[in-house]
């Protein structure tokens, strides 16, 4: 195909412009830049204009059929008229009269997408249209093809027409000696030599001259038989190479491509700068949010470290409370209660005080003020971080003119302090209930009572035994029997004391060993409350961080996309410079 290199280059430029336009739309670019790109894309599609001039019956239509590989005659493209025909691409064939001597012909022929053809009916029959052709079409033509017949290359009308072409536009002119197969090579050589001499005499310059056989070229393109030989004999190889060179190195077209690339480059550079700035801004926002996340975690740790002394003090208070509760446990496990008849407490309304309740009261009394102070420390730390968040996040997380909410640390308890105090009390209550001290009192007391019941039961047998020994024997035997009885009663009493002491010691051991459990429960609850108090900031930080990360990724992707497009622009610019005649010197 003629000018493949140029059209491939133009196609790649169009692809890059489409990619740039797509990137511009995706980034919400300005409408002016979008309009410029649309205009640049439209201008890229501007076809080359070839004007074909020659006398009647010199084979212009056959030449065009062979040049572009399209049979105009069989497709009905060429109307049988004496008018000037301006061929353009259309989805269906139709003719639009422009003037009495000019028709625009639209045809679904592929090469007309890239080439517009102006075909004249013959220089010897359009004398009156010379001005129209030379003034309207020749100035805009990328190539003017003068077709001469090898049988009569001296037709005066063609040479007269050439005289009317402005000298400035003659650089676009080439000569085609058609029907050269009807002459011998020697005759063709004589004719071409003479035509060259004639152009130098009349116009002071040589024109590219190609002797061709359109008939053989058309057969070579369509018949497929002896294609290489027919194409070589037709002389079209050299002609096509020359026309392709004209298309490829057309300075005006290449300058237009270069201008298109310069405008597109400006838009690309502006977009790239904006996206790079947005990417840096997104990175900065991501870093700030990461720092705020880290600061939040550090603040949680700092707050917990402030609260650790409260745990130590609570543990000390617990030991003091244990001593008070141990006294109550001793009161509940006295010898008197062991020997007291079961149910007598109910009768006398003297039931022992609940150890669980008393321990909980002791802990509340000793630690209540301390944990209220801790809740104030927690609230102040939360508000301090909130102020820090507002200060550092202004313009990133919040509008620049955002007003920091004020806080009142008056007597009225805030929701945070109330919740924290409730959770601490709940932990203490669960801890005390878990000890089950009251449940340990009754089993120990009952065990001592079982032993103590034997004491009254053994008194009568001891008295009877002593009396029998005295009656049956002497006083010594009675004394021995009485001593043995007293010893047995002492053993029973001692066993009762041992069981009471064991129960008291069991309760004391449980209280002492539970100290670590209390600290663990409080530490866990306090950690959860402190962490939860600062977790509310994640509702602001996490979405913002995710949004910033996504924006950074999108901007990085766009920057990389535009960088690749810029590299492609560089390659295309280099190719344009290589093809531009002044660039190749």
Protein backbone atom coordinates (compact mmCIF):
# COMPACT_ATOMS: atom_id res chain seq x y z
CA UNK A 1 0.00 0.00 0.00
CA UNK A 2 1.20 3.50 -0.82
CA UNK A 3 2.71 5.37 2.13
CA UNK A 4 2.43 2.50 4.60
CA UNK A 5 5.16 3.96 6.81
CA UNK A 6 3.42 7.31 7.05
CA UNK A 7 -0.01 5.87 7.72
CA UNK A 8 1.37 3.49 10.32
CA UNK A 9 3.03 6.45 12.03
CA UNK A 10 -0.18 8.46 11.80
CA UNK A 11 -2.15 5.52 13.20
CA UNK A 12 0.21 5.19 16.17
CA UNK A 13 -0.09 8.92 16.83
CA UNK A 14 -3.88 8.56 16.69
CA UNK A 15 -3.73 5.63 19.13
CA UNK A 16 -1.63 7.65 21.57
CA UNK A 17 -3.93 10.66 21.23
CA UNK A 18 -6.92 8.42 21.99
CA UNK A 19 -5.09 7.07 25.03
CA UNK A 20 -4.29 10.63 26.15
CA UNK A 21 -7.92 11.69 25.63
CA UNK A 22 -9.10 8.68 27.65
CA UNK A 23 -6.69 9.54 30.47
CA UNK A 24 -7.87 13.15 30.35
CA UNK A 25 -11.52 12.11 30.64
CA UNK A 26 -10.79 9.69 33.49
CA UNK A 27 -8.94 12.37 35.44
CA UNK A 28 -11.68 14.95 34.88
CA UNK A 29 -9.47 17.22 32.78
CA UNK A 30 -10.55 20.59 31.48
CA UNK A 31 -12.90 20.80 28.51
CA UNK A 32 -10.52 23.01 26.51
CA UNK A 33 -7.84 20.32 26.47
CA UNK A 34 -10.44 17.71 25.55
CA UNK A 35 -11.63 19.87 22.65
CA UNK A 36 -8.04 20.36 21.45
CA UNK A 37 -7.45 16.60 21.48
CA UNK A 38 -10.71 15.99 19.61
CA UNK A 39 -9.64 18.51 16.97
CA UNK A 40 -6.18 16.96 16.74
CA UNK A 41 -7.70 13.51 16.26
CA UNK A 42 -10.03 14.84 13.58
CA UNK A 43 -7.19 16.60 11.77
CA UNK A 44 -5.13 13.40 11.71
CA UNK A 45 -7.75 11.80 9.50
CA UNK A 46 -7.33 14.45 6.81
CA UNK A 47 -6.70 12.49 3.58
CA UNK A 48 -4.07 13.21 0.95
CA UNK A 49 -5.37 14.96 -2.14
CA UNK A 50 -4.22 13.67 -5.55
CA UNK A 51 -5.18 15.65 -8.67
CA UNK A 52 -5.07 13.60 -11.88
CA UNK A 53 -4.81 15.62 -15.11
CA UNK A 54 -4.58 14.47 -18.67
CA UNK A 55 -6.25 14.49 -22.04
CA UNK A 56 -9.27 12.35 -22.86
CA UNK A 57 -8.61 8.62 -23.41
CA UNK A 58 -5.09 8.60 -22.04
CA UNK A 59 -6.09 5.95 -19.47
CA UNK A 60 -6.50 8.04 -16.31
CA UNK A 61 -9.21 5.79 -14.84
CA UNK A 62 -7.24 2.66 -15.69
CA UNK A 63 -4.20 4.24 -14.08
CA UNK A 64 -6.12 5.01 -10.87
CA UNK A 65 -7.56 1.49 -10.79
CA UNK A 66 -4.07 0.06 -11.03
CA UNK A 67 -2.54 2.49 -8.55
CA UNK A 68 -5.02 1.77 -5.76
CA UNK A 69 -6.05 -1.76 -6.68
CA UNK A 70 -9.73 -0.82 -7.05
CA UNK A 71 -11.73 -1.21 -10.24
CA UNK A 72 -13.74 1.99 -10.45
CA UNK A 73 -15.58 0.88 -13.56
CA UNK A 74 -16.96 -2.38 -12.18
CA UNK A 75 -17.99 -0.74 -8.91
CA UNK A 76 -19.81 2.07 -10.65
CA UNK A 77 -17.74 4.70 -8.93
CA UNK A 78 -16.86 6.71 -12.03
CA UNK A 79 -19.94 8.40 -13.48
CA UNK A 80 -20.04 8.74 -17.24
CA UNK A 81 -19.96 12.52 -17.32
CA UNK A 82 -17.72 15.32 -18.49
CA UNK A 83 -17.55 16.92 -15.07
CA UNK A 84 -14.64 17.26 -12.66
CA UNK A 85 -15.04 14.51 -10.05
CA UNK A 86 -13.91 14.86 -6.45
CA UNK A 87 -13.81 11.33 -4.95
CA UNK A 88 -14.32 10.95 -1.20
CA UNK A 89 -15.10 8.05 1.12
CA UNK A 90 -18.71 7.37 2.06
CA UNK A 91 -20.63 4.48 3.59
CA UNK A 92 -22.64 4.15 0.39
CA UNK A 93 -22.27 5.38 -3.14
CA UNK A 94 -23.87 8.72 -3.99
CA UNK A 95 -23.08 11.86 -6.03
CA UNK A 96 -23.47 15.41 -4.75
CA UNK A 97 -23.43 18.14 -7.43
CA UNK A 98 -21.39 21.13 -6.27
CA UNK A 99 -21.27 23.29 -9.39
CA UNK A 100 -22.40 22.68 -12.95
CA UNK A 101 -18.91 21.35 -13.70
CA UNK A 102 -17.99 19.73 -10.35
CA UNK A 103 -19.45 16.71 -8.54
CA UNK A 104 -18.42 15.22 -5.22
CA UNK A 105 -18.55 11.44 -5.50
CA UNK A 106 -18.86 9.42 -2.24
CA UNK A 107 -17.99 5.75 -2.49
CA UNK A 108 -17.36 2.87 -0.01
CA UNK A 109 -13.80 2.36 -1.23
CA UNK A 110 -11.19 1.79 1.46
CA UNK A 111 -8.32 3.78 -0.02
CA UNK A 112 -10.57 6.87 -0.20
CA UNK A 113 -10.30 7.03 3.60
CA UNK A 114 -6.68 8.13 3.14
CA UNK A 115 -6.71 9.57 -0.39
CA UNK A 116 -9.10 12.03 -2.02
CA UNK A 117 -8.88 11.94 -5.80
CA UNK A 118 -9.67 14.82 -8.15
CA UNK A 119 -10.22 13.33 -11.61
CA UNK A 120 -10.56 15.62 -14.63
CA UNK A 121 -12.44 14.47 -17.71
CA UNK A 122 -9.66 15.69 -19.98
CA UNK A 123 -7.60 18.83 -20.44
CA UNK A 124 -8.76 19.11 -24.03
CA UNK A 125 -12.43 19.25 -22.95
CA UNK A 126 -12.31 21.41 -19.78
CA UNK A 127 -10.64 24.53 -21.00
CA UNK A 128 -13.13 26.62 -19.11
CA UNK A 129 -12.46 24.69 -15.87
CA UNK A 130 -8.69 25.25 -15.91
CA UNK A 131 -9.05 28.10 -13.43
CA UNK A 132 -11.27 26.04 -11.13
CA UNK A 133 -8.79 23.18 -11.06
CA UNK A 134 -5.65 25.30 -10.73
CA UNK A 135 -7.08 27.67 -8.13
CA UNK A 136 -9.14 25.28 -6.02
CA UNK A 137 -7.53 21.87 -6.16
CA UNK A 138 -3.89 22.23 -7.22
CA UNK A 139 -2.96 24.48 -4.24
CA UNK A 140 -4.32 21.94 -1.77
CA UNK A 141 -3.02 18.91 -3.68
CA UNK A 142 -0.31 16.81 -2.17
CA UNK A 143 0.43 15.47 -5.62
CA UNK A 144 -0.54 16.53 -9.18
CA UNK A 145 -0.26 13.64 -11.63
CA UNK A 146 -0.06 14.53 -15.31
CA UNK A 147 -0.99 11.46 -17.31
CA UNK A 148 0.26 11.34 -20.91
CA UNK A 149 -0.44 8.66 -23.44
CA UNK A 150 2.63 6.94 -24.82
CA UNK A 151 0.87 6.94 -28.19
CA UNK A 152 0.56 10.74 -28.23
CA UNK A 153 2.52 12.47 -25.46
CA UNK A 154 2.57 15.77 -27.30
CA UNK A 155 -1.07 16.76 -26.77
CA UNK A 156 -1.04 20.55 -26.62
CA UNK A 157 -3.87 20.85 -24.07
CA UNK A 158 -1.94 18.97 -21.36
CA UNK A 159 1.14 21.14 -21.80
CA UNK A 160 -0.99 24.29 -21.91
CA UNK A 161 -2.67 23.21 -18.70
CA UNK A 162 0.74 22.72 -17.09
CA UNK A 163 1.64 26.29 -18.13
CA UNK A 164 -1.26 27.54 -16.00
CA UNK A 165 -0.01 25.80 -12.85
CA UNK A 166 1.66 28.23 -10.49
CA UNK A 167 5.42 27.77 -10.34
CA UNK A 168 5.26 27.45 -6.52
CA UNK A 169 3.06 24.36 -6.81
CA UNK A 170 5.09 22.59 -9.47
CA UNK A 171 7.08 20.79 -6.83
CA UNK A 172 4.04 18.53 -6.41
CA UNK A 173 3.92 17.56 -10.11
CA UNK A 174 4.93 14.19 -11.56
CA UNK A 175 4.56 12.86 -15.12
CA UNK A 176 3.12 9.44 -15.91
CA UNK A 177 3.60 8.07 -19.43
CA UNK A 178 0.64 5.69 -19.62
CA UNK A 179 0.17 2.81 -22.12
CA UNK A 180 3.92 2.30 -22.38
CA UNK A 181 3.29 -1.35 -23.24
CA UNK A 182 2.10 -0.13 -26.67
CA UNK A 183 5.58 1.19 -27.44
CA UNK A 184 8.98 -0.46 -27.66
CA UNK A 185 11.55 0.27 -24.93
CA UNK A 186 13.60 2.24 -27.41
CA UNK A 187 10.64 4.41 -28.31
CA UNK A 188 9.80 4.94 -24.66
CA UNK A 189 13.40 6.02 -24.01
CA UNK A 190 13.27 8.55 -26.86
CA UNK A 191 9.93 9.92 -25.65
CA UNK A 192 11.07 10.28 -22.02
CA UNK A 193 14.32 11.97 -23.09
CA UNK A 194 12.44 14.42 -25.21
CA UNK A 195 9.85 15.15 -22.49
CA UNK A 196 12.66 15.83 -20.04
CA UNK A 197 14.33 18.20 -22.48
CA UNK A 198 11.01 19.94 -23.12
CA UNK A 199 10.27 20.52 -19.40
CA UNK A 200 13.73 21.95 -18.85
CA UNK A 201 13.26 24.35 -21.76
CA UNK A 202 9.73 25.47 -20.76
CA UNK A 203 9.85 25.31 -16.99
CA UNK A 204 13.53 25.31 -16.18
CA UNK A 205 13.33 22.03 -14.22
CA UNK A 206 12.90 18.28 -14.48
CA UNK A 207 9.76 16.50 -13.34
CA UNK A 208 9.74 12.91 -12.12
CA UNK A 209 8.69 10.83 -15.14
CA UNK A 210 7.46 7.24 -15.02
CA UNK A 211 6.63 5.10 -18.02
CA UNK A 212 3.95 2.60 -16.90
CA UNK A 213 1.42 0.15 -18.13
CA UNK A 214 -1.67 0.43 -15.98
CA UNK A 215 -3.19 -2.57 -17.73
CA UNK A 216 -0.36 -4.88 -16.65
CA UNK A 217 -0.29 -3.43 -13.14
CA UNK A 218 -4.02 -3.97 -12.73
CA UNK A 219 -3.67 -7.57 -13.94
CA UNK A 220 -0.80 -8.13 -11.54
CA UNK A 221 -2.89 -6.90 -8.60
CA UNK A 222 -6.04 -8.81 -9.45
CA UNK A 223 -5.21 -11.82 -11.62
CA UNK A 224 -2.54 -13.34 -9.40
CA UNK A 225 -0.89 -15.03 -12.40
CA UNK A 226 2.75 -14.13 -13.04
CA UNK A 227 2.22 -11.31 -10.63
CA UNK A 228 5.88 -10.42 -10.08
CA UNK A 229 6.68 -10.36 -13.79
CA UNK A 230 3.62 -8.31 -14.70
CA UNK A 231 4.26 -5.83 -11.91
CA UNK A 232 7.90 -5.45 -12.95
CA UNK A 233 6.93 -4.97 -16.60
CA UNK A 234 4.26 -2.43 -15.65
CA UNK A 235 6.82 0.02 -14.20
CA UNK A 236 4.54 0.61 -11.19
CA UNK A 237 7.15 -0.41 -8.63
CA UNK A 238 9.20 2.74 -9.20
CA UNK A 239 6.08 4.90 -9.44
CA UNK A 240 4.62 3.56 -6.20
CA UNK A 241 7.96 3.91 -4.44
CA UNK A 242 8.15 7.56 -5.55
CA UNK A 243 4.57 8.34 -4.51
CA UNK A 244 5.13 6.54 -1.20
CA UNK A 245 8.24 8.65 -0.69
CA UNK A 246 6.20 11.81 -1.39
CA UNK A 247 3.57 10.68 1.12
CA UNK A 248 6.17 9.58 3.65
CA UNK A 249 8.30 12.72 3.40
CA UNK A 250 5.56 15.29 2.80
CA UNK A 251 6.96 18.22 4.74
CA UNK A 252 3.61 19.93 5.28
CA UNK A 253 2.01 16.74 6.58
CA UNK A 254 4.98 15.86 8.77
CA UNK A 255 5.11 19.39 10.15
CA UNK A 256 1.43 19.05 10.92
CA UNK A 257 2.11 15.78 12.73
CA UNK A 258 4.93 17.45 14.61
CA UNK A 259 2.65 20.35 15.54
CA UNK A 260 0.00 17.85 16.65
CA UNK A 261 2.57 16.10 18.82
CA UNK A 262 3.71 19.42 20.33
CA UNK A 263 0.17 20.37 21.34
CA UNK A 264 -0.50 16.86 22.65
CA UNK A 265 2.82 16.97 24.49
CA UNK A 266 1.81 20.19 26.24
CA UNK A 267 -1.45 18.61 27.37
CA UNK A 268 0.39 15.44 28.39
CA UNK A 269 3.02 17.36 30.37
CA UNK A 270 0.34 19.44 32.13
CA UNK A 271 -1.59 16.29 33.00
CA UNK A 272 1.56 14.54 34.16
CA UNK A 273 2.53 17.47 36.38
CA UNK A 274 -0.95 17.53 37.90
CA UNK A 275 -0.95 13.80 38.52
CA UNK A 276 2.57 13.88 39.95
CA UNK A 277 1.50 16.69 42.28
CA UNK A 278 -1.63 14.73 43.22
CA UNK A 279 0.46 11.60 43.77
CA UNK A 280 2.87 13.48 46.06
CA UNK A 281 -0.06 15.01 47.90
CA UNK A 282 -1.65 11.56 48.29
CA UNK A 283 1.68 10.15 49.52
CA UNK A 284 1.97 12.99 52.02
CA UNK A 285 -1.57 12.35 53.16
CA UNK A 286 -0.84 8.64 53.51
CA UNK A 287 2.29 9.36 55.54
CA UNK A 288 0.44 11.79 57.81
CA UNK A 289 -2.33 9.25 58.36
CA UNK A 290 0.21 6.53 59.08
CA UNK A 291 1.87 8.83 61.60
CA UNK A 292 -1.51 9.51 63.20
CA UNK A 293 -2.20 5.78 63.37
CA UNK A 294 1.19 5.21 64.99
CA UNK A 295 0.63 8.11 67.38
CA UNK A 296 -2.75 6.64 68.36
CA UNK A 297 -1.10 3.30 69.20
CA UNK A 298 1.67 5.06 71.13
CA UNK A 299 -0.91 7.12 73.01
CA UNK A 300 -2.70 3.91 74.03
CA UNK A 301 0.60 2.59 75.39
CA UNK A 302 1.35 5.85 77.22
CA UNK A 303 -2.09 5.90 78.80
CA UNK A 304 -1.76 2.30 79.92
CA UNK A 305 1.61 3.08 81.49
CA UNK A 306 -0.01 5.89 83.45
CA UNK A 307 -2.61 3.44 84.75
CA UNK A 308 -0.14 0.71 85.83
CA UNK A 309 0.50 2.36 89.25
CA UNK A 310 -3.24 2.19 89.90
CA UNK A 311 -3.09 -1.58 89.42
CA UNK A 312 -0.21 -1.82 91.91
CA UNK A 313 -2.07 0.31 94.43
CA UNK A 314 -5.24 -1.72 93.96
CA UNK A 315 -3.28 -4.88 94.63
CA UNK A 316 -1.99 -3.39 97.90
CA UNK A 317 -5.48 -2.32 98.86
CA UNK A 318 -6.67 -5.83 98.16
CA UNK A 319 -4.16 -7.27 100.63
CA UNK A 320 -5.44 -4.90 103.32
CA UNK A 321 -9.01 -5.84 102.48
CA UNK A 322 -8.03 -9.50 102.76
CA UNK A 323 -6.96 -8.91 106.36
CA UNK A 324 -10.33 -7.41 107.20
CA UNK A 325 -12.18 -10.21 105.50
CA UNK A 326 -9.95 -12.80 107.18
CA UNK A 327 -11.20 -11.49 110.55
CA UNK A 328 -14.76 -11.97 109.40
CA UNK A 329 -13.90 -15.50 108.30
CA UNK A 330 -12.45 -16.19 111.77
CA UNK A 331 -15.64 -14.84 113.37
CA UNK A 332 -17.71 -17.12 111.19
CA UNK A 333 -15.61 -20.17 112.09
CA UNK A 334 -15.39 -19.84 115.91
CA UNK A 335 -15.51 -22.74 118.36
CA UNK A 336 -18.76 -21.48 119.75
CA UNK A 337 -20.43 -21.71 116.36
CA UNK A 338 -19.06 -25.24 115.91
CA UNK A 339 -20.69 -26.38 119.17
CA UNK A 340 -23.81 -24.32 118.55
CA UNK A 341 -26.88 -26.20 117.46
CA UNK A 342 -27.60 -25.81 113.76
CA UNK A 343 -30.49 -23.45 113.24
CA UNK A 344 -29.81 -21.51 116.37
CA UNK A 345 -28.40 -18.64 114.30
CA UNK A 346 -31.70 -18.28 112.55
CA UNK A 347 -33.47 -18.36 115.86
CA UNK A 348 -31.18 -15.74 117.35
CA UNK A 349 -31.01 -13.59 114.17
CA UNK A 350 -27.22 -13.77 114.28
CA UNK A 351 -26.29 -15.04 110.82
CA UNK A 352 -22.66 -14.22 109.82
CA UNK A 353 -22.08 -11.33 107.39
CA UNK A 354 -21.47 -12.30 103.74
CA UNK A 355 -17.73 -12.38 103.05
CA UNK A 356 -18.29 -11.74 99.31
CA UNK A 357 -20.33 -8.64 99.99
CA UNK A 358 -17.90 -7.37 102.61
CA UNK A 359 -14.88 -7.91 100.34
CA UNK A 360 -16.60 -6.09 97.47
CA UNK A 361 -17.47 -3.20 99.76
CA UNK A 362 -13.92 -3.03 101.05
CA UNK A 363 -12.50 -2.92 97.50
CA UNK A 364 -14.98 -0.28 96.40
CA UNK A 365 -14.26 1.85 99.44
CA UNK A 366 -10.49 1.64 99.08
CA UNK A 367 -10.20 1.87 95.28
CA UNK A 368 -13.24 3.91 94.16
CA UNK A 369 -11.57 7.35 94.27
CA UNK A 370 -8.43 6.02 92.66
CA UNK A 371 -10.25 4.58 89.64
CA UNK A 372 -12.28 7.76 89.28
CA UNK A 373 -8.99 9.63 89.01
CA UNK A 374 -7.81 7.08 86.47
CA UNK A 375 -10.96 7.70 84.41
CA UNK A 376 -10.13 11.43 84.42
CA UNK A 377 -6.59 10.66 83.22
CA UNK A 378 -8.03 8.49 80.44
CA UNK A 379 -10.52 11.16 79.40
CA UNK A 380 -7.83 13.85 79.35
CA UNK A 381 -5.55 11.64 77.21
CA UNK A 382 -8.39 10.94 74.78
CA UNK A 383 -9.15 14.65 74.44
CA UNK A 384 -5.46 15.45 74.13
CA UNK A 385 -5.12 13.02 71.23
CA UNK A 386 -8.30 14.43 69.72
CA UNK A 387 -6.75 17.91 69.78
CA UNK A 388 -3.56 16.50 68.24
CA UNK A 389 -5.63 14.77 65.55
CA UNK A 390 -7.46 17.96 64.68
CA UNK A 391 -4.22 19.94 64.56
CA UNK A 392 -2.31 17.47 62.37
CA UNK A 393 -5.29 16.41 60.25
CA UNK A 394 -6.54 19.87 59.38
CA UNK A 395 -6.79 20.03 55.61
CA UNK A 396 -6.35 16.25 55.34
CA UNK A 397 -8.95 14.70 57.61
CA UNK A 398 -10.94 17.84 58.30
CA UNK A 399 -11.62 21.13 56.51
CA UNK A 400 -8.98 23.81 57.17
CA UNK A 401 -11.50 25.93 59.08
CA UNK A 402 -12.74 23.12 61.34
CA UNK A 403 -13.34 24.16 64.98
CA UNK A 404 -12.08 21.84 67.70
CA UNK A 405 -14.91 20.84 70.06
CA UNK A 406 -14.51 22.05 73.65
CA UNK A 407 -14.65 19.78 76.70
CA UNK A 408 -15.86 20.45 80.22
CA UNK A 409 -14.19 18.56 83.06
CA UNK A 410 -16.71 19.64 85.67
CA UNK A 411 -18.44 17.70 88.39
CA UNK A 412 -20.86 16.06 86.00
CA UNK A 413 -19.57 12.65 85.01
CA UNK A 414 -18.97 12.17 81.30
CA UNK A 415 -20.05 9.14 79.34
CA UNK A 416 -16.45 7.91 79.04
CA UNK A 417 -15.82 8.17 82.82
CA UNK A 418 -19.16 6.58 83.66
CA UNK A 419 -18.54 3.68 81.31
CA UNK A 420 -15.00 3.19 82.61
CA UNK A 421 -16.14 3.21 86.27
CA UNK A 422 -18.95 0.79 85.53
CA UNK A 423 -16.57 -1.64 83.84
CA UNK A 424 -14.10 -1.50 86.77
CA UNK A 425 -16.91 -2.14 89.28
CA UNK A 426 -18.17 -4.97 87.13
CA UNK A 427 -14.70 -6.53 87.05
CA UNK A 428 -14.38 -6.28 90.83
CA UNK A 429 -17.83 -7.81 91.29
CA UNK A 430 -17.08 -10.69 88.95
CA UNK A 431 -13.79 -11.27 90.70
CA UNK A 432 -15.37 -11.41 94.17
CA UNK A 433 -18.24 -13.62 93.02
CA UNK A 434 -15.72 -15.93 91.42
CA UNK A 435 -13.96 -16.44 94.78
CA UNK A 436 -17.12 -18.00 96.33
CA UNK A 437 -15.96 -17.25 99.90
CA UNK A 438 -19.40 -17.69 101.40
CA UNK A 439 -19.60 -21.15 99.89
CA UNK A 440 -16.40 -22.15 101.72
CA UNK A 441 -17.71 -21.08 105.19
CA UNK A 442 -20.63 -23.46 105.57
CA UNK A 443 -18.81 -26.69 104.53
CA UNK A 444 -15.96 -25.96 106.97
CA UNK A 445 -18.34 -25.10 109.78
CA UNK A 446 -20.46 -28.19 109.10
CA UNK A 447 -17.35 -30.41 109.15
CA UNK A 448 -16.38 -28.98 112.58
CA UNK A 449 -19.95 -29.45 113.86
CA UNK A 450 -19.91 -33.13 112.88
CA UNK A 451 -16.85 -33.64 115.09
CA UNK A 452 -18.16 -31.42 117.89
CA UNK A 453 -21.37 -33.45 118.17
CA UNK A 454 -19.36 -36.34 119.64
CA UNK A 455 -18.37 -34.30 122.69
CA UNK A 456 -21.80 -34.31 124.48
CA UNK A 457 -22.33 -37.87 123.37
CA UNK A 458 -19.11 -39.01 125.07
CA UNK A 459 -19.68 -37.26 128.46
CA UNK A 460 -22.26 -39.76 129.76
CA UNK A 461 -20.21 -42.85 128.73
CA UNK A 462 -17.16 -41.32 130.47
CA UNK A 463 -19.14 -40.75 133.71
CA UNK A 464 -20.65 -44.25 133.60
CA UNK A 465 -17.26 -45.84 132.89
CA UNK A 466 -15.68 -43.94 135.77
CA UNK A 467 -18.46 -44.96 138.17
CA UNK A 468 -18.24 -48.60 137.15
CA UNK A 469 -14.48 -48.67 137.63
CA UNK A 470 -14.89 -47.12 141.10
CA UNK A 471 -17.63 -49.52 142.14
CA UNK A 472 -16.04 -52.67 140.74
CA UNK A 473 -12.50 -51.73 141.62
CA UNK A 474 -10.93 -49.05 143.66
CA UNK A 475 -10.61 -45.29 143.36
CA UNK A 476 -7.41 -45.59 141.40
CA UNK A 477 -9.18 -47.44 138.62
CA UNK A 478 -11.92 -44.83 138.71
CA UNK A 479 -9.35 -42.04 138.42
CA UNK A 480 -7.70 -43.77 135.48
CA UNK A 481 -11.01 -44.25 133.73
CA UNK A 482 -11.95 -40.60 134.35
CA UNK A 483 -8.58 -39.43 133.00
CA UNK A 484 -9.01 -41.56 129.89
CA UNK A 485 -12.47 -40.11 129.36
CA UNK A 486 -11.17 -36.57 129.70
CA UNK A 487 -8.44 -37.35 127.20
CA UNK A 488 -11.00 -38.63 124.70
CA UNK A 489 -13.07 -35.48 125.14
CA UNK A 490 -9.94 -33.38 124.62
CA UNK A 491 -9.17 -35.22 121.39
CA UNK A 492 -12.67 -34.52 120.10
CA UNK A 493 -12.35 -30.84 121.04
CA UNK A 494 -8.91 -30.66 119.37
CA UNK A 495 -10.22 -32.27 116.18
CA UNK A 496 -12.98 -29.66 116.10
CA UNK A 497 -10.43 -26.84 116.39
CA UNK A 498 -8.26 -28.39 113.68
CA UNK A 499 -11.18 -28.51 111.23
CA UNK A 500 -12.13 -24.92 112.00
CA UNK A 501 -8.52 -23.80 111.53
CA UNK A 502 -8.29 -25.71 108.27
CA UNK A 503 -11.38 -23.94 106.91
CA UNK A 504 -10.01 -20.55 107.97
CA UNK A 505 -6.64 -21.29 106.38
CA UNK A 506 -8.34 -22.45 103.15
CA UNK A 507 -10.16 -19.12 102.88
CA UNK A 508 -7.00 -17.14 103.68
CA UNK A 509 -4.97 -19.09 101.09
CA UNK A 510 -7.66 -18.49 98.46
CA UNK A 511 -7.65 -14.77 99.21
CA UNK A 512 -3.88 -14.53 99.04
CA UNK A 513 -3.61 -16.55 95.84
CA UNK A 514 -6.37 -14.55 94.12
CA UNK A 515 -4.33 -11.35 94.15
CA UNK A 516 -2.76 -12.17 90.77
CA UNK A 517 -6.21 -13.01 89.37
CA UNK A 518 -7.57 -9.64 90.46
CA UNK A 519 -4.66 -7.81 88.82
CA UNK A 520 -5.06 -9.83 85.63
CA UNK A 521 -8.81 -9.16 85.43
CA UNK A 522 -8.40 -5.44 86.08
CA UNK A 523 -5.48 -5.15 83.65
CA UNK A 524 -7.50 -6.88 80.93
CA UNK A 525 -10.57 -4.72 81.54
CA UNK A 526 -8.58 -1.50 81.71
CA UNK A 527 -6.67 -2.40 78.53
CA UNK A 528 -9.93 -3.08 76.73
CA UNK A 529 -11.45 0.21 77.93
CA UNK A 530 -8.38 2.27 77.04
CA UNK A 531 -8.08 0.62 73.64
CA UNK A 532 -11.80 1.07 73.01
CA UNK A 533 -11.64 4.74 74.01
CA UNK A 534 -9.05 5.36 71.29
CA UNK A 535 -10.69 3.02 68.79
CA UNK A 536 -13.33 5.62 67.94
CA UNK A 537 -10.62 7.57 66.09
CA UNK A 538 -10.24 4.63 63.72
CA UNK A 539 -13.67 5.47 62.33
CA UNK A 540 -12.03 8.59 60.95
CA UNK A 541 -8.50 7.34 60.30
CA UNK A 542 -9.18 3.98 58.63
CA UNK A 543 -11.50 5.23 55.82
CA UNK A 544 -9.23 8.22 55.24
CA UNK A 545 -6.16 5.99 55.10
CA UNK A 546 -7.86 3.55 52.72
CA UNK A 547 -9.02 6.44 50.54
CA UNK A 548 -5.53 8.01 50.54
CA UNK A 549 -3.92 4.67 49.67
CA UNK A 550 -6.38 4.14 46.83
CA UNK A 551 -5.84 7.69 45.56
CA UNK A 552 -2.07 7.22 45.74
CA UNK A 553 -2.36 3.96 43.81
CA UNK A 554 -4.61 5.56 41.19
CA UNK A 555 -2.34 8.56 40.79
CA UNK A 556 0.77 6.35 40.63
CA UNK A 557 -0.94 4.25 37.96
CA UNK A 558 -1.85 7.38 36.00
CA UNK A 559 1.66 8.80 36.34
CA UNK A 560 3.15 5.53 35.09
CA UNK A 561 0.59 5.43 32.29
CA UNK A 562 1.45 8.98 31.26
CA UNK A 563 5.17 8.21 31.55
CA UNK A 564 4.79 5.33 29.11
CA UNK A 565 2.73 7.59 26.86
CA UNK A 566 5.47 10.21 27.07
CA UNK A 567 8.06 7.61 26.07
CA UNK A 568 5.85 6.69 23.12
CA UNK A 569 5.60 10.39 22.21
CA UNK A 570 9.39 10.60 22.25
CA UNK A 571 9.64 7.66 19.86
CA UNK A 572 7.01 9.16 17.55
CA UNK A 573 8.73 12.56 17.61
CA UNK A 574 11.97 10.88 16.62
CA UNK A 575 10.27 9.04 13.76
CA UNK A 576 8.71 12.28 12.52
CA UNK A 577 12.14 13.94 12.55
CA UNK A 578 13.61 11.02 10.61
CA UNK A 579 10.89 11.27 7.95
CA UNK A 580 10.97 15.08 7.72
CA UNK A 581 13.21 16.10 4.77
CA UNK A 582 15.03 18.79 6.75
CA UNK A 583 15.52 16.31 9.59
CA UNK A 584 17.27 13.82 7.38
CA UNK A 585 19.95 16.19 6.22
